[in-house]
């Protein structure tokens, strides 16, 4: 499919089939995210793939609350995105320009991931509402690193 078709095909899906997503498909999506541009090539992200049934249930619960994201409990895989430190050059530019470049960078990487998933016939939904403390605990995220 051409790019215009892909952009039209990509949507936020909130209902998923109960079938596993192949490791190969997940890896293709991660590679697309890795290739995303970032300020000074800082790549201030880590992607954590969750496909273990027990952890998926706990992550789905951490993403749900106040009636939000209940569909996360049905996802066959959840990919958590963790905001990492920028490299020194990107950090200095961010301070000078008073812009949080790392958030822009992560957004671009996540969209690359989602576009690749759509190209593979997989549905995605970017979720910003989650219990950060629960996610950090369940994934063993330490320090000031932030799950988005």
N, C-alpha and C. Protein backbone atom coordinates (compact mmCIF):
# COMPACT_ATOMS: atom_id res chain seq x y z
N UNK A 1 0.85 -1.18 0.00
CA UNK A 1 0.00 0.00 0.00
C UNK A 1 0.89 1.24 0.00
N UNK A 2 0.38 2.32 -0.58
CA UNK A 2 1.18 3.54 -0.58
C UNK A 2 0.98 4.30 0.74
N UNK A 3 1.77 5.35 0.93
CA UNK A 3 1.77 6.06 2.21
C UNK A 3 0.40 6.65 2.53
N UNK A 4 -0.26 7.24 1.55
CA UNK A 4 -1.57 7.84 1.80
C UNK A 4 -2.58 6.80 2.28
N UNK A 5 -2.53 5.61 1.69
CA UNK A 5 -3.41 4.53 2.15
C UNK A 5 -3.07 4.12 3.58
N UNK A 6 -1.80 4.02 3.87
CA UNK A 6 -1.35 3.62 5.21
C UNK A 6 -1.83 4.62 6.25
N UNK A 7 -1.68 5.90 5.97
CA UNK A 7 -2.11 6.93 6.92
C UNK A 7 -3.62 6.85 7.15
N UNK A 8 -4.36 6.58 6.10
CA UNK A 8 -5.82 6.44 6.25
C UNK A 8 -6.19 5.16 7.00
N UNK A 9 -5.39 4.13 6.84
CA UNK A 9 -5.68 2.84 7.48
C UNK A 9 -5.38 2.87 8.98
N UNK A 10 -4.35 3.57 9.40
CA UNK A 10 -3.95 3.62 10.80
C UNK A 10 -5.03 4.34 11.62
N UNK A 11 -5.48 3.69 12.66
CA UNK A 11 -6.51 4.25 13.53
C UNK A 11 -6.29 3.75 14.95
N UNK A 12 -7.01 4.33 15.90
CA UNK A 12 -6.94 3.86 17.28
C UNK A 12 -7.98 2.77 17.47
N UNK A 13 -7.52 1.54 17.58
CA UNK A 13 -8.42 0.39 17.76
C UNK A 13 -8.57 0.09 19.24
N UNK A 14 -9.81 -0.17 19.64
CA UNK A 14 -10.09 -0.45 21.04
C UNK A 14 -10.79 -1.79 21.24
N UNK A 15 -10.64 -2.65 20.26
CA UNK A 15 -11.16 -4.01 20.35
C UNK A 15 -10.18 -4.90 19.59
N UNK A 16 -9.78 -6.00 20.24
CA UNK A 16 -8.74 -6.84 19.66
C UNK A 16 -9.19 -8.29 19.61
N UNK A 17 -8.71 -8.98 18.60
CA UNK A 17 -8.96 -10.41 18.50
C UNK A 17 -8.09 -11.13 19.52
N UNK A 18 -8.60 -12.20 20.11
CA UNK A 18 -7.82 -12.92 21.13
C UNK A 18 -6.81 -13.89 20.53
N UNK A 19 -5.94 -13.36 19.68
CA UNK A 19 -4.90 -14.21 19.10
C UNK A 19 -3.56 -13.52 19.33
N UNK A 20 -2.52 -14.31 19.52
CA UNK A 20 -1.21 -13.71 19.79
C UNK A 20 -0.67 -12.97 18.57
N UNK A 21 0.20 -12.03 18.85
CA UNK A 21 0.90 -11.29 17.81
C UNK A 21 2.29 -11.93 17.71
N UNK A 22 2.71 -12.26 16.50
CA UNK A 22 3.99 -12.95 16.34
C UNK A 22 5.15 -12.05 16.78
N UNK A 23 6.18 -12.68 17.29
CA UNK A 23 7.39 -11.97 17.70
C UNK A 23 7.98 -11.22 16.51
N UNK A 24 7.90 -11.83 15.32
CA UNK A 24 8.42 -11.20 14.11
C UNK A 24 7.71 -9.87 13.83
N UNK A 25 6.39 -9.85 13.96
CA UNK A 25 5.64 -8.60 13.73
C UNK A 25 6.02 -7.54 14.76
N UNK A 26 6.13 -7.93 16.02
CA UNK A 26 6.52 -6.98 17.06
C UNK A 26 7.91 -6.42 16.76
N UNK A 27 8.82 -7.28 16.35
CA UNK A 27 10.18 -6.84 16.05
C UNK A 27 10.20 -5.86 14.86
N UNK A 28 9.36 -6.09 13.86
CA UNK A 28 9.28 -5.16 12.73
C UNK A 28 8.80 -3.79 13.20
N UNK A 29 7.84 -3.77 14.10
CA UNK A 29 7.33 -2.51 14.64
C UNK A 29 8.40 -1.80 15.47
N UNK A 30 9.12 -2.56 16.27
CA UNK A 30 10.20 -1.97 17.07
C UNK A 30 11.31 -1.41 16.18
N UNK A 31 11.61 -2.09 15.10
CA UNK A 31 12.63 -1.60 14.17
C UNK A 31 12.18 -0.30 13.51
N UNK A 32 10.91 -0.21 13.16
CA UNK A 32 10.39 1.04 12.59
C UNK A 32 10.53 2.18 13.59
N UNK A 33 10.24 1.90 14.86
CA UNK A 33 10.39 2.92 15.91
C UNK A 33 11.86 3.31 16.07
N UNK A 34 12.74 2.34 16.03
CA UNK A 34 14.17 2.61 16.18
C UNK A 34 14.70 3.54 15.10
N UNK A 35 14.12 3.43 13.91
CA UNK A 35 14.56 4.23 12.78
C UNK A 35 14.00 5.65 12.80
N UNK A 36 13.12 5.95 13.74
CA UNK A 36 12.52 7.28 13.82
C UNK A 36 13.59 8.33 14.12
N UNK A 37 13.45 9.52 13.55
CA UNK A 37 14.41 10.58 13.86
C UNK A 37 14.22 11.08 15.28
N UNK A 38 15.30 11.59 15.87
CA UNK A 38 15.23 12.20 17.20
C UNK A 38 16.29 13.28 17.28
N UNK A 39 16.08 14.24 18.17
CA UNK A 39 17.03 15.35 18.32
C UNK A 39 18.42 14.80 18.60
N UNK A 40 19.37 15.17 17.76
CA UNK A 40 20.78 14.74 17.91
C UNK A 40 20.89 13.22 18.00
N UNK A 41 19.96 12.52 17.38
CA UNK A 41 19.90 11.05 17.41
C UNK A 41 19.95 10.50 18.84
N UNK A 42 19.30 11.20 19.77
CA UNK A 42 19.37 10.81 21.18
C UNK A 42 18.53 9.57 21.49
N UNK A 43 17.52 9.30 20.70
CA UNK A 43 16.63 8.16 20.90
C UNK A 43 16.29 7.98 22.39
N UNK A 44 15.58 8.96 22.97
CA UNK A 44 15.32 8.93 24.41
C UNK A 44 14.15 8.03 24.79
N UNK A 45 14.20 6.79 24.37
CA UNK A 45 13.10 5.87 24.62
C UNK A 45 13.60 4.45 24.82
N UNK A 46 12.78 3.70 25.49
CA UNK A 46 12.92 2.24 25.56
C UNK A 46 11.51 1.70 25.35
N UNK A 47 11.41 0.64 24.60
CA UNK A 47 10.14 -0.04 24.39
C UNK A 47 10.19 -1.35 25.15
N UNK A 48 9.18 -1.62 25.97
CA UNK A 48 9.12 -2.84 26.75
C UNK A 48 7.93 -3.65 26.26
N UNK A 49 8.20 -4.82 25.70
CA UNK A 49 7.15 -5.68 25.14
C UNK A 49 6.62 -6.58 26.26
N UNK A 50 5.31 -6.53 26.45
CA UNK A 50 4.65 -7.36 27.45
C UNK A 50 3.70 -8.31 26.73
N UNK A 51 4.03 -9.61 26.79
CA UNK A 51 3.13 -10.61 26.19
C UNK A 51 2.88 -11.80 27.12
N UNK A 52 3.46 -11.76 28.31
CA UNK A 52 3.19 -12.77 29.33
C UNK A 52 1.78 -12.54 29.88
N UNK A 53 0.96 -13.59 29.93
CA UNK A 53 -0.45 -13.46 30.30
C UNK A 53 -0.64 -12.80 31.66
N UNK A 54 0.13 -13.20 32.66
CA UNK A 54 -0.03 -12.64 34.00
C UNK A 54 0.33 -11.15 34.01
N UNK A 55 1.46 -10.81 33.41
CA UNK A 55 1.89 -9.41 33.38
C UNK A 55 0.97 -8.57 32.50
N UNK A 56 0.47 -9.15 31.41
CA UNK A 56 -0.49 -8.44 30.56
C UNK A 56 -1.72 -8.02 31.36
N UNK A 57 -2.23 -8.93 32.17
CA UNK A 57 -3.39 -8.64 33.00
C UNK A 57 -3.11 -7.48 33.94
N UNK A 58 -1.94 -7.50 34.57
CA UNK A 58 -1.56 -6.43 35.50
C UNK A 58 -1.34 -5.11 34.78
N UNK A 59 -0.76 -5.16 33.59
CA UNK A 59 -0.56 -3.94 32.81
C UNK A 59 -1.89 -3.38 32.31
N UNK A 60 -2.79 -4.27 31.89
CA UNK A 60 -4.12 -3.83 31.47
C UNK A 60 -4.84 -3.12 32.59
N UNK A 61 -4.69 -3.64 33.80
CA UNK A 61 -5.31 -3.01 34.97
C UNK A 61 -4.65 -1.66 35.26
N UNK A 62 -3.34 -1.56 35.10
CA UNK A 62 -2.63 -0.30 35.35
C UNK A 62 -3.00 0.77 34.33
N UNK A 63 -3.41 0.35 33.15
CA UNK A 63 -3.80 1.30 32.10
C UNK A 63 -5.28 1.67 32.19
N UNK A 64 -6.03 0.96 33.00
CA UNK A 64 -7.47 1.19 33.14
C UNK A 64 -7.74 1.92 34.44
N UNK A 65 -8.76 2.70 34.43
CA UNK A 65 -9.17 3.39 35.65
C UNK A 65 -10.12 4.50 35.29
N UNK A 66 -11.05 4.76 36.18
CA UNK A 66 -12.06 5.80 35.96
C UNK A 66 -12.77 5.62 34.62
N UNK A 67 -12.94 4.37 34.21
CA UNK A 67 -13.64 4.08 32.96
C UNK A 67 -12.80 4.25 31.71
N UNK A 68 -11.52 4.50 31.89
CA UNK A 68 -10.64 4.71 30.74
C UNK A 68 -9.93 3.41 30.36
N UNK A 69 -9.70 3.20 29.08
CA UNK A 69 -8.83 2.15 28.55
C UNK A 69 -9.17 0.73 29.00
N UNK A 70 -10.43 0.44 29.27
CA UNK A 70 -10.81 -0.91 29.65
C UNK A 70 -10.40 -1.95 28.63
N UNK A 71 -10.32 -1.54 27.38
CA UNK A 71 -9.93 -2.44 26.29
C UNK A 71 -8.50 -2.96 26.44
N UNK A 72 -7.68 -2.26 27.22
CA UNK A 72 -6.28 -2.68 27.39
C UNK A 72 -6.19 -4.07 28.02
N UNK A 73 -7.22 -4.44 28.77
CA UNK A 73 -7.23 -5.75 29.42
C UNK A 73 -7.40 -6.89 28.41
N UNK A 74 -7.79 -6.56 27.18
CA UNK A 74 -8.02 -7.56 26.14
C UNK A 74 -6.86 -7.65 25.13
N UNK A 75 -5.92 -6.73 25.21
CA UNK A 75 -4.84 -6.69 24.22
C UNK A 75 -3.94 -7.92 24.33
N UNK A 76 -3.60 -8.54 23.20
CA UNK A 76 -2.72 -9.70 23.24
C UNK A 76 -1.26 -9.35 23.50
N UNK A 77 -0.92 -8.09 23.34
CA UNK A 77 0.43 -7.59 23.65
C UNK A 77 0.30 -6.11 23.98
N UNK A 78 1.08 -5.68 24.96
CA UNK A 78 1.17 -4.26 25.30
C UNK A 78 2.64 -3.88 25.17
N UNK A 79 2.89 -2.75 24.51
CA UNK A 79 4.25 -2.26 24.39
C UNK A 79 4.31 -0.94 25.16
N UNK A 80 5.00 -1.00 26.28
CA UNK A 80 5.15 0.20 27.11
C UNK A 80 6.33 1.02 26.59
N UNK A 81 6.16 2.32 26.59
CA UNK A 81 7.21 3.22 26.14
C UNK A 81 7.73 3.97 27.37
N UNK A 82 9.03 3.92 27.56
CA UNK A 82 9.66 4.56 28.71
C UNK A 82 10.52 5.71 28.22
N UNK A 83 10.27 6.89 28.78
CA UNK A 83 11.06 8.07 28.43
C UNK A 83 12.42 7.98 29.13
N UNK A 84 13.47 8.05 28.34
CA UNK A 84 14.84 7.97 28.84
C UNK A 84 15.48 9.35 28.76
N UNK A 85 16.67 9.49 29.34
CA UNK A 85 17.40 10.75 29.25
C UNK A 85 17.85 10.99 27.81
N UNK A 86 17.84 12.27 27.44
CA UNK A 86 18.39 12.66 26.15
C UNK A 86 19.91 12.63 26.24
N UNK A 87 20.58 12.57 25.09
CA UNK A 87 22.04 12.71 25.14
C UNK A 87 22.36 14.18 25.44
N UNK A 88 23.61 14.47 25.73
CA UNK A 88 24.01 15.79 26.20
C UNK A 88 23.68 16.89 25.19
N UNK A 89 23.95 16.65 23.93
CA UNK A 89 23.70 17.67 22.90
C UNK A 89 22.21 18.00 22.81
N UNK A 90 21.37 16.99 22.80
CA UNK A 90 19.91 17.21 22.74
C UNK A 90 19.44 17.92 24.01
N UNK A 91 19.99 17.53 25.16
CA UNK A 91 19.61 18.17 26.42
C UNK A 91 19.95 19.66 26.41
N UNK A 92 21.15 19.99 25.96
CA UNK A 92 21.57 21.40 25.91
C UNK A 92 20.64 22.19 24.98
N UNK A 93 20.35 21.63 23.82
CA UNK A 93 19.42 22.29 22.89
C UNK A 93 18.04 22.47 23.50
N UNK A 94 17.59 21.47 24.23
CA UNK A 94 16.29 21.53 24.87
C UNK A 94 16.24 22.65 25.92
N UNK A 95 17.32 22.80 26.68
CA UNK A 95 17.39 23.85 27.69
C UNK A 95 17.45 25.22 27.03
N UNK A 96 18.29 25.37 26.02
CA UNK A 96 18.45 26.67 25.34
C UNK A 96 17.14 27.11 24.70
N UNK A 97 16.45 26.19 24.04
CA UNK A 97 15.22 26.53 23.34
C UNK A 97 13.97 26.39 24.21
N UNK A 98 14.13 25.91 25.45
CA UNK A 98 13.02 25.70 26.37
C UNK A 98 11.91 24.85 25.74
N UNK A 99 12.35 23.74 25.11
CA UNK A 99 11.43 22.80 24.48
C UNK A 99 11.80 21.40 24.92
N UNK A 100 10.79 20.60 25.18
CA UNK A 100 11.02 19.22 25.61
C UNK A 100 11.10 18.33 24.38
N UNK A 101 12.25 18.37 23.70
CA UNK A 101 12.43 17.62 22.47
C UNK A 101 12.20 16.13 22.65
N UNK A 102 12.53 15.61 23.82
CA UNK A 102 12.39 14.17 24.02
C UNK A 102 10.95 13.70 23.86
N UNK A 103 9.99 14.52 24.26
CA UNK A 103 8.59 14.14 24.09
C UNK A 103 8.19 14.12 22.62
N UNK A 104 8.72 15.06 21.85
CA UNK A 104 8.48 15.05 20.40
C UNK A 104 9.10 13.80 19.78
N UNK A 105 10.31 13.50 20.19
CA UNK A 105 11.02 12.34 19.67
C UNK A 105 10.26 11.05 19.94
N UNK A 106 9.79 10.90 21.17
CA UNK A 106 9.03 9.69 21.52
C UNK A 106 7.75 9.61 20.71
N UNK A 107 7.08 10.73 20.52
CA UNK A 107 5.85 10.74 19.72
C UNK A 107 6.10 10.27 18.29
N UNK A 108 7.20 10.71 17.71
CA UNK A 108 7.53 10.28 16.35
C UNK A 108 7.81 8.78 16.32
N UNK A 109 8.57 8.29 17.30
CA UNK A 109 8.90 6.86 17.34
C UNK A 109 7.65 6.01 17.52
N UNK A 110 6.76 6.45 18.38
CA UNK A 110 5.52 5.70 18.62
C UNK A 110 4.67 5.68 17.35
N UNK A 111 4.61 6.78 16.64
CA UNK A 111 3.83 6.79 15.40
C UNK A 111 4.47 5.89 14.35
N UNK A 112 5.79 5.87 14.27
CA UNK A 112 6.45 4.91 13.36
C UNK A 112 6.05 3.48 13.71
N UNK A 113 6.04 3.16 15.00
CA UNK A 113 5.62 1.84 15.47
C UNK A 113 4.20 1.54 14.99
N UNK A 114 3.31 2.49 15.21
CA UNK A 114 1.89 2.30 14.86
C UNK A 114 1.67 2.18 13.35
N UNK A 115 2.40 2.96 12.58
CA UNK A 115 2.27 2.87 11.12
C UNK A 115 2.75 1.51 10.62
N UNK A 116 3.86 1.02 11.18
CA UNK A 116 4.34 -0.31 10.79
C UNK A 116 3.32 -1.37 11.18
N UNK A 117 2.72 -1.25 12.36
CA UNK A 117 1.70 -2.20 12.79
C UNK A 117 0.52 -2.19 11.83
N UNK A 118 0.08 -1.01 11.43
CA UNK A 118 -1.04 -0.91 10.48
C UNK A 118 -0.68 -1.56 9.15
N UNK A 119 0.55 -1.36 8.70
CA UNK A 119 1.00 -1.97 7.46
C UNK A 119 0.97 -3.50 7.56
N UNK A 120 1.17 -4.02 8.76
CA UNK A 120 1.15 -5.46 8.99
C UNK A 120 -0.25 -6.00 9.30
N UNK A 121 -1.24 -5.09 9.28
CA UNK A 121 -2.61 -5.52 9.56
C UNK A 121 -2.92 -5.62 11.05
N UNK A 122 -2.11 -4.99 11.88
CA UNK A 122 -2.33 -5.02 13.33
C UNK A 122 -2.95 -3.71 13.80
N UNK A 123 -3.83 -3.82 14.78
CA UNK A 123 -4.45 -2.63 15.36
C UNK A 123 -3.66 -2.15 16.56
N UNK A 124 -3.65 -0.83 16.76
CA UNK A 124 -2.95 -0.23 17.90
C UNK A 124 -3.81 0.88 18.49
N UNK A 125 -3.49 1.25 19.70
CA UNK A 125 -4.07 2.43 20.32
C UNK A 125 -3.02 3.01 21.26
N UNK A 126 -2.70 4.26 21.05
CA UNK A 126 -1.74 4.94 21.91
C UNK A 126 -2.50 5.39 23.16
N UNK A 127 -2.03 4.95 24.31
CA UNK A 127 -2.70 5.30 25.56
C UNK A 127 -1.82 6.21 26.39
N UNK A 128 -2.33 7.34 26.78
CA UNK A 128 -1.60 8.25 27.65
C UNK A 128 -2.08 8.20 29.08
N UNK A 129 -3.27 7.65 29.28
CA UNK A 129 -3.83 7.54 30.63
C UNK A 129 -3.40 6.21 31.23
N UNK A 130 -2.59 6.27 32.27
CA UNK A 130 -2.15 5.06 32.95
C UNK A 130 -1.65 5.42 34.34
N UNK A 131 -1.58 4.44 35.19
CA UNK A 131 -1.06 4.63 36.54
C UNK A 131 0.45 4.42 36.46
N UNK A 132 1.19 5.52 36.39
CA UNK A 132 2.65 5.44 36.19
C UNK A 132 3.34 4.63 37.28
N UNK A 133 2.92 4.81 38.51
CA UNK A 133 3.56 4.08 39.62
C UNK A 133 3.36 2.58 39.49
N UNK A 134 2.16 2.15 39.13
CA UNK A 134 1.91 0.72 38.94
C UNK A 134 2.73 0.17 37.78
N UNK A 135 2.79 0.91 36.69
CA UNK A 135 3.55 0.46 35.53
C UNK A 135 5.03 0.36 35.89
N UNK A 136 5.57 1.37 36.57
CA UNK A 136 6.97 1.33 36.98
C UNK A 136 7.25 0.11 37.85
N UNK A 137 6.38 -0.15 38.80
CA UNK A 137 6.58 -1.29 39.71
C UNK A 137 6.52 -2.60 38.94
N UNK A 138 5.53 -2.75 38.07
CA UNK A 138 5.34 -4.01 37.36
C UNK A 138 6.44 -4.28 36.34
N UNK A 139 7.02 -3.24 35.79
CA UNK A 139 8.07 -3.41 34.80
C UNK A 139 9.47 -3.22 35.36
N UNK A 140 9.56 -2.91 36.64
CA UNK A 140 10.87 -2.73 37.27
C UNK A 140 11.60 -1.49 36.79
N UNK A 141 10.87 -0.44 36.48
CA UNK A 141 11.47 0.80 36.00
C UNK A 141 11.96 1.60 37.21
N UNK A 142 13.22 1.95 37.20
CA UNK A 142 13.85 2.63 38.33
C UNK A 142 14.10 4.11 38.06
N UNK A 143 14.24 4.87 39.13
CA UNK A 143 14.66 6.26 39.05
C UNK A 143 13.65 7.19 38.41
N UNK A 144 14.18 8.16 37.71
CA UNK A 144 13.35 9.20 37.11
C UNK A 144 12.79 8.83 35.74
N UNK A 145 13.06 7.63 35.30
CA UNK A 145 12.54 7.18 34.00
C UNK A 145 11.01 7.15 34.09
N UNK A 146 10.35 7.57 33.03
CA UNK A 146 8.90 7.74 33.05
C UNK A 146 8.24 6.88 31.99
N UNK A 147 7.27 6.02 32.40
CA UNK A 147 6.49 5.31 31.38
C UNK A 147 5.45 6.25 30.80
N UNK A 148 5.35 6.29 29.49
CA UNK A 148 4.38 7.18 28.84
C UNK A 148 3.19 6.41 28.33
